[in-house]
Amino acid sequence: QLRRAQELLAVMARSPSIAALARECCLGSGAFVRAFVAATGTSPYVWRSDLQIERAKELLGMPDRTIADIARASGFADEAELERAFIKATGMTPTNWRYRA
């Protein structure tokens, strides 16, 4: 069940609802969140956000990719959403992270 939820979170362009994930795992919403947190140590949305940030970091190593392209490829709606999440996760903008010394 956890693997199925992680697969859905990883492949969907936008995060599915907790209710949708719970249905896929044949659990109620509360039971799903508790099981996910027990298994991973974090909530489904934090897990998804961490996955998106890691993907963005990988793509930032490719200088031919624009920040807007990286945002979309990482599952963010736009550059601004990527920038907000990236700053929260790393303390710096994607551009600064890309060109850090």
N, C-alpha and C. Protein backbone atom coordinates (compact mmCIF):
# COMPACT_ATOMS: atom_id res chain seq x y z
N GLN A 1 0.82 -1.20 0.00
CA GLN A 1 0.00 0.00 0.00
C GLN A 1 0.86 1.25 0.00
N LEU A 2 1.90 1.25 0.84
CA LEU A 2 2.79 2.41 0.90
C LEU A 2 3.47 2.60 -0.46
N ARG A 3 3.94 1.53 -1.05
CA ARG A 3 4.61 1.63 -2.34
C ARG A 3 3.67 2.23 -3.38
N ARG A 4 2.41 1.80 -3.38
CA ARG A 4 1.44 2.34 -4.35
C ARG A 4 1.24 3.83 -4.13
N ALA A 5 1.12 4.25 -2.88
CA ALA A 5 0.94 5.67 -2.58
C ALA A 5 2.16 6.47 -3.02
N GLN A 6 3.36 5.96 -2.77
CA GLN A 6 4.58 6.66 -3.17
C GLN A 6 4.68 6.74 -4.69
N GLU A 7 4.29 5.67 -5.38
CA GLU A 7 4.29 5.69 -6.85
C GLU A 7 3.35 6.77 -7.37
N LEU A 8 2.15 6.85 -6.80
CA LEU A 8 1.19 7.86 -7.24
C LEU A 8 1.73 9.27 -6.98
N LEU A 9 2.31 9.47 -5.81
CA LEU A 9 2.86 10.78 -5.48
C LEU A 9 4.01 11.14 -6.41
N ALA A 10 4.79 10.15 -6.81
CA ALA A 10 5.95 10.41 -7.65
C ALA A 10 5.59 10.70 -9.10
N VAL A 11 4.56 10.05 -9.63
CA VAL A 11 4.29 10.17 -11.07
C VAL A 11 3.23 11.21 -11.43
N MET A 12 2.40 11.59 -10.50
CA MET A 12 1.35 12.55 -10.82
C MET A 12 1.92 13.96 -10.88
N ALA A 13 1.53 14.69 -11.89
CA ALA A 13 2.03 16.05 -12.08
C ALA A 13 1.67 16.92 -10.88
N ARG A 14 0.48 16.80 -10.39
CA ARG A 14 0.05 17.54 -9.20
C ARG A 14 -0.27 16.52 -8.12
N SER A 15 -0.11 16.91 -6.89
CA SER A 15 -0.35 15.98 -5.78
C SER A 15 -1.80 15.54 -5.73
N PRO A 16 -2.03 14.24 -5.64
CA PRO A 16 -3.40 13.78 -5.48
C PRO A 16 -3.89 14.09 -4.06
N SER A 17 -5.17 14.07 -3.87
CA SER A 17 -5.72 14.34 -2.54
C SER A 17 -5.43 13.16 -1.62
N ILE A 18 -5.45 13.44 -0.32
CA ILE A 18 -5.29 12.37 0.66
C ILE A 18 -6.40 11.34 0.48
N ALA A 19 -7.61 11.81 0.22
CA ALA A 19 -8.73 10.88 0.03
C ALA A 19 -8.49 9.95 -1.15
N ALA A 20 -7.95 10.48 -2.25
CA ALA A 20 -7.67 9.65 -3.42
C ALA A 20 -6.59 8.63 -3.13
N LEU A 21 -5.55 9.05 -2.44
CA LEU A 21 -4.49 8.12 -2.08
C LEU A 21 -5.01 7.04 -1.14
N ALA A 22 -5.81 7.45 -0.17
CA ALA A 22 -6.38 6.50 0.78
C ALA A 22 -7.24 5.47 0.06
N ARG A 23 -8.06 5.93 -0.89
CA ARG A 23 -8.90 5.01 -1.66
C ARG A 23 -8.05 3.99 -2.41
N GLU A 24 -6.97 4.45 -3.02
CA GLU A 24 -6.07 3.56 -3.77
C GLU A 24 -5.48 2.48 -2.86
N CYS A 25 -5.33 2.82 -1.60
CA CYS A 25 -4.74 1.89 -0.63
C CYS A 25 -5.80 1.17 0.21
N CYS A 26 -7.06 1.38 -0.14
CA CYS A 26 -8.18 0.75 0.58
C CYS A 26 -8.17 1.08 2.07
N LEU A 27 -7.91 2.35 2.38
CA LEU A 27 -7.91 2.83 3.76
C LEU A 27 -8.71 4.11 3.85
N GLY A 28 -9.14 4.44 5.05
CA GLY A 28 -9.73 5.74 5.29
C GLY A 28 -8.62 6.79 5.31
N SER A 29 -8.97 8.05 5.17
CA SER A 29 -7.97 9.11 5.10
C SER A 29 -7.08 9.16 6.33
N GLY A 30 -7.68 9.12 7.51
CA GLY A 30 -6.90 9.17 8.74
C GLY A 30 -5.97 7.98 8.89
N ALA A 31 -6.48 6.80 8.60
CA ALA A 31 -5.66 5.59 8.69
C ALA A 31 -4.51 5.64 7.68
N PHE A 32 -4.81 6.16 6.49
CA PHE A 32 -3.77 6.26 5.47
C PHE A 32 -2.63 7.17 5.93
N VAL A 33 -2.98 8.37 6.42
CA VAL A 33 -1.95 9.32 6.87
C VAL A 33 -1.14 8.72 8.01
N ARG A 34 -1.80 8.10 8.97
CA ARG A 34 -1.08 7.49 10.10
C ARG A 34 -0.13 6.39 9.61
N ALA A 35 -0.60 5.56 8.68
CA ALA A 35 0.24 4.48 8.15
C ALA A 35 1.42 5.05 7.36
N PHE A 36 1.17 6.08 6.57
CA PHE A 36 2.24 6.69 5.76
C PHE A 36 3.30 7.29 6.67
N VAL A 37 2.87 8.04 7.68
CA VAL A 37 3.80 8.67 8.61
C VAL A 37 4.58 7.60 9.39
N ALA A 38 3.90 6.54 9.81
CA ALA A 38 4.58 5.47 10.54
C ALA A 38 5.64 4.80 9.68
N ALA A 39 5.35 4.65 8.40
CA ALA A 39 6.28 3.96 7.50
C ALA A 39 7.42 4.84 7.00
N THR A 40 7.16 6.14 6.83
CA THR A 40 8.17 7.02 6.22
C THR A 40 8.73 8.06 7.17
N GLY A 41 8.03 8.32 8.26
CA GLY A 41 8.46 9.36 9.19
C GLY A 41 8.04 10.75 8.79
N THR A 42 7.23 10.85 7.73
CA THR A 42 6.79 12.17 7.26
C THR A 42 5.43 12.05 6.59
N SER A 43 4.77 13.17 6.40
CA SER A 43 3.45 13.17 5.77
C SER A 43 3.58 12.94 4.27
N PRO A 44 2.50 12.54 3.61
CA PRO A 44 2.56 12.35 2.15
C PRO A 44 2.97 13.62 1.41
N TYR A 45 2.48 14.78 1.84
CA TYR A 45 2.80 16.01 1.13
C TYR A 45 4.25 16.44 1.35
N VAL A 46 4.77 16.23 2.54
CA VAL A 46 6.18 16.55 2.78
C VAL A 46 7.06 15.58 1.98
N TRP A 47 6.68 14.32 1.93
CA TRP A 47 7.42 13.33 1.15
C TRP A 47 7.45 13.74 -0.31
N ARG A 48 6.30 14.14 -0.84
CA ARG A 48 6.19 14.57 -2.23
C ARG A 48 7.04 15.83 -2.48
N SER A 49 6.97 16.78 -1.57
CA SER A 49 7.74 18.01 -1.72
C SER A 49 9.24 17.72 -1.73
N ASP A 50 9.68 16.84 -0.83
CA ASP A 50 11.10 16.46 -0.80
C ASP A 50 11.51 15.82 -2.12
N LEU A 51 10.65 14.98 -2.68
CA LEU A 51 10.92 14.34 -3.96
C LEU A 51 11.04 15.38 -5.08
N GLN A 52 10.13 16.35 -5.08
CA GLN A 52 10.16 17.41 -6.09
C GLN A 52 11.45 18.24 -5.98
N ILE A 53 11.85 18.57 -4.77
CA ILE A 53 13.06 19.37 -4.57
C ILE A 53 14.29 18.59 -5.03
N GLU A 54 14.35 17.32 -4.71
CA GLU A 54 15.49 16.50 -5.15
C GLU A 54 15.55 16.43 -6.67
N ARG A 55 14.40 16.30 -7.32
CA ARG A 55 14.37 16.28 -8.78
C ARG A 55 14.83 17.63 -9.33
N ALA A 56 14.38 18.71 -8.73
CA ALA A 56 14.80 20.04 -9.18
C ALA A 56 16.31 20.20 -9.03
N LYS A 57 16.88 19.72 -7.93
CA LYS A 57 18.32 19.81 -7.73
C LYS A 57 19.07 19.07 -8.84
N GLU A 58 18.58 17.89 -9.19
CA GLU A 58 19.21 17.13 -10.28
C GLU A 58 19.19 17.94 -11.57
N LEU A 59 18.03 18.49 -11.88
CA LEU A 59 17.88 19.23 -13.13
C LEU A 59 18.65 20.54 -13.14
N LEU A 60 18.84 21.14 -11.98
CA LEU A 60 19.61 22.38 -11.90
C LEU A 60 21.07 22.16 -12.28
N GLY A 61 21.52 20.93 -12.24
CA GLY A 61 22.88 20.61 -12.68
C GLY A 61 23.02 20.61 -14.19
N MET A 62 21.92 20.78 -14.90
CA MET A 62 21.93 20.82 -16.36
C MET A 62 21.76 22.28 -16.80
N PRO A 63 22.87 22.94 -17.14
CA PRO A 63 22.81 24.38 -17.41
C PRO A 63 21.95 24.77 -18.60
N ASP A 64 21.63 23.84 -19.48
CA ASP A 64 20.81 24.16 -20.64
C ASP A 64 19.32 24.22 -20.31
N ARG A 65 18.93 23.77 -19.13
CA ARG A 65 17.52 23.78 -18.72
C ARG A 65 17.19 25.11 -18.04
N THR A 66 16.07 25.71 -18.41
CA THR A 66 15.64 26.95 -17.76
C THR A 66 14.98 26.61 -16.43
N ILE A 67 14.90 27.60 -15.55
CA ILE A 67 14.25 27.41 -14.26
C ILE A 67 12.77 27.07 -14.47
N ALA A 68 12.13 27.72 -15.44
CA ALA A 68 10.72 27.43 -15.72
C ALA A 68 10.54 25.98 -16.16
N ASP A 69 11.42 25.50 -17.01
CA ASP A 69 11.37 24.11 -17.47
C ASP A 69 11.60 23.16 -16.31
N ILE A 70 12.55 23.49 -15.45
CA ILE A 70 12.85 22.65 -14.28
C ILE A 70 11.65 22.62 -13.34
N ALA A 71 11.00 23.76 -13.17
CA ALA A 71 9.81 23.81 -12.31
C ALA A 71 8.75 22.84 -12.82
N ARG A 72 8.44 22.90 -14.10
CA ARG A 72 7.42 22.01 -14.67
C ARG A 72 7.85 20.54 -14.59
N ALA A 73 9.10 20.27 -14.91
CA ALA A 73 9.59 18.90 -14.90
C ALA A 73 9.65 18.30 -13.50
N SER A 74 9.69 19.17 -12.50
CA SER A 74 9.73 18.72 -11.10
C SER A 74 8.34 18.64 -10.47
N GLY A 75 7.32 19.01 -11.23
CA GLY A 75 5.96 18.92 -10.72
C GLY A 75 5.41 20.17 -10.08
N PHE A 76 6.11 21.29 -10.24
CA PHE A 76 5.62 22.56 -9.71
C PHE A 76 4.80 23.26 -10.80
N ALA A 77 3.87 24.08 -10.38
CA ALA A 77 3.00 24.78 -11.32
C ALA A 77 3.78 25.81 -12.14
N ASP A 78 4.75 26.46 -11.51
CA ASP A 78 5.50 27.51 -12.19
C ASP A 78 6.78 27.80 -11.41
N GLU A 79 7.56 28.75 -11.94
CA GLU A 79 8.82 29.14 -11.30
C GLU A 79 8.62 29.63 -9.88
N ALA A 80 7.58 30.42 -9.67
CA ALA A 80 7.34 31.00 -8.35
C ALA A 80 7.09 29.91 -7.31
N GLU A 81 6.31 28.91 -7.67
CA GLU A 81 6.04 27.83 -6.73
C GLU A 81 7.32 27.06 -6.42
N LEU A 82 8.13 26.79 -7.45
CA LEU A 82 9.42 26.13 -7.23
C LEU A 82 10.30 26.98 -6.32
N GLU A 83 10.38 28.27 -6.61
CA GLU A 83 11.25 29.13 -5.81
C GLU A 83 10.84 29.14 -4.34
N ARG A 84 9.54 29.27 -4.06
CA ARG A 84 9.08 29.28 -2.67
C ARG A 84 9.45 27.97 -1.97
N ALA A 85 9.18 26.85 -2.62
CA ALA A 85 9.47 25.54 -2.01
C ALA A 85 10.97 25.33 -1.88
N PHE A 86 11.74 25.77 -2.86
CA PHE A 86 13.19 25.57 -2.85
C PHE A 86 13.83 26.38 -1.73
N ILE A 87 13.41 27.63 -1.59
CA ILE A 87 13.94 28.47 -0.51
C ILE A 87 13.60 27.86 0.85
N LYS A 88 12.38 27.39 0.99
CA LYS A 88 11.97 26.77 2.26
C LYS A 88 12.83 25.54 2.56
N ALA A 89 13.14 24.75 1.54
CA ALA A 89 13.89 23.51 1.75
C ALA A 89 15.39 23.72 1.88
N THR A 90 15.94 24.70 1.16
CA THR A 90 17.40 24.83 1.10
C THR A 90 17.95 26.14 1.64
N GLY A 91 17.09 27.14 1.77
CA GLY A 91 17.55 28.44 2.23
C GLY A 91 18.09 29.32 1.12
N MET A 92 17.98 28.86 -0.13
CA MET A 92 18.45 29.67 -1.26
C MET A 92 17.55 29.46 -2.47
N THR A 93 17.63 30.39 -3.40
CA THR A 93 16.83 30.27 -4.62
C THR A 93 17.42 29.18 -5.51
N PRO A 94 16.62 28.65 -6.44
CA PRO A 94 17.17 27.67 -7.38
C PRO A 94 18.35 28.22 -8.19
N THR A 95 18.26 29.48 -8.59
CA THR A 95 19.35 30.09 -9.36
C THR A 95 20.62 30.16 -8.53
N ASN A 96 20.51 30.60 -7.28
CA ASN A 96 21.69 30.65 -6.40
C ASN A 96 22.25 29.26 -6.15
N TRP A 97 21.37 28.28 -5.97
CA TRP A 97 21.82 26.90 -5.76
C TRP A 97 22.57 26.39 -6.99
N ARG A 98 22.06 26.72 -8.15
CA ARG A 98 22.69 26.28 -9.41
C ARG A 98 24.11 26.84 -9.54
N TYR A 99 24.30 28.08 -9.17
CA TYR A 99 25.58 28.74 -9.36
C TYR A 99 26.41 28.87 -8.09
N ARG A 100 26.08 28.13 -7.07
CA ARG A 100 26.84 28.22 -5.81
C ARG A 100 28.29 27.81 -6.07
N ALA A 101 29.16 28.37 -5.30
CA ALA A 101 30.60 28.11 -5.49
C ALA A 101 31.01 26.77 -4.91
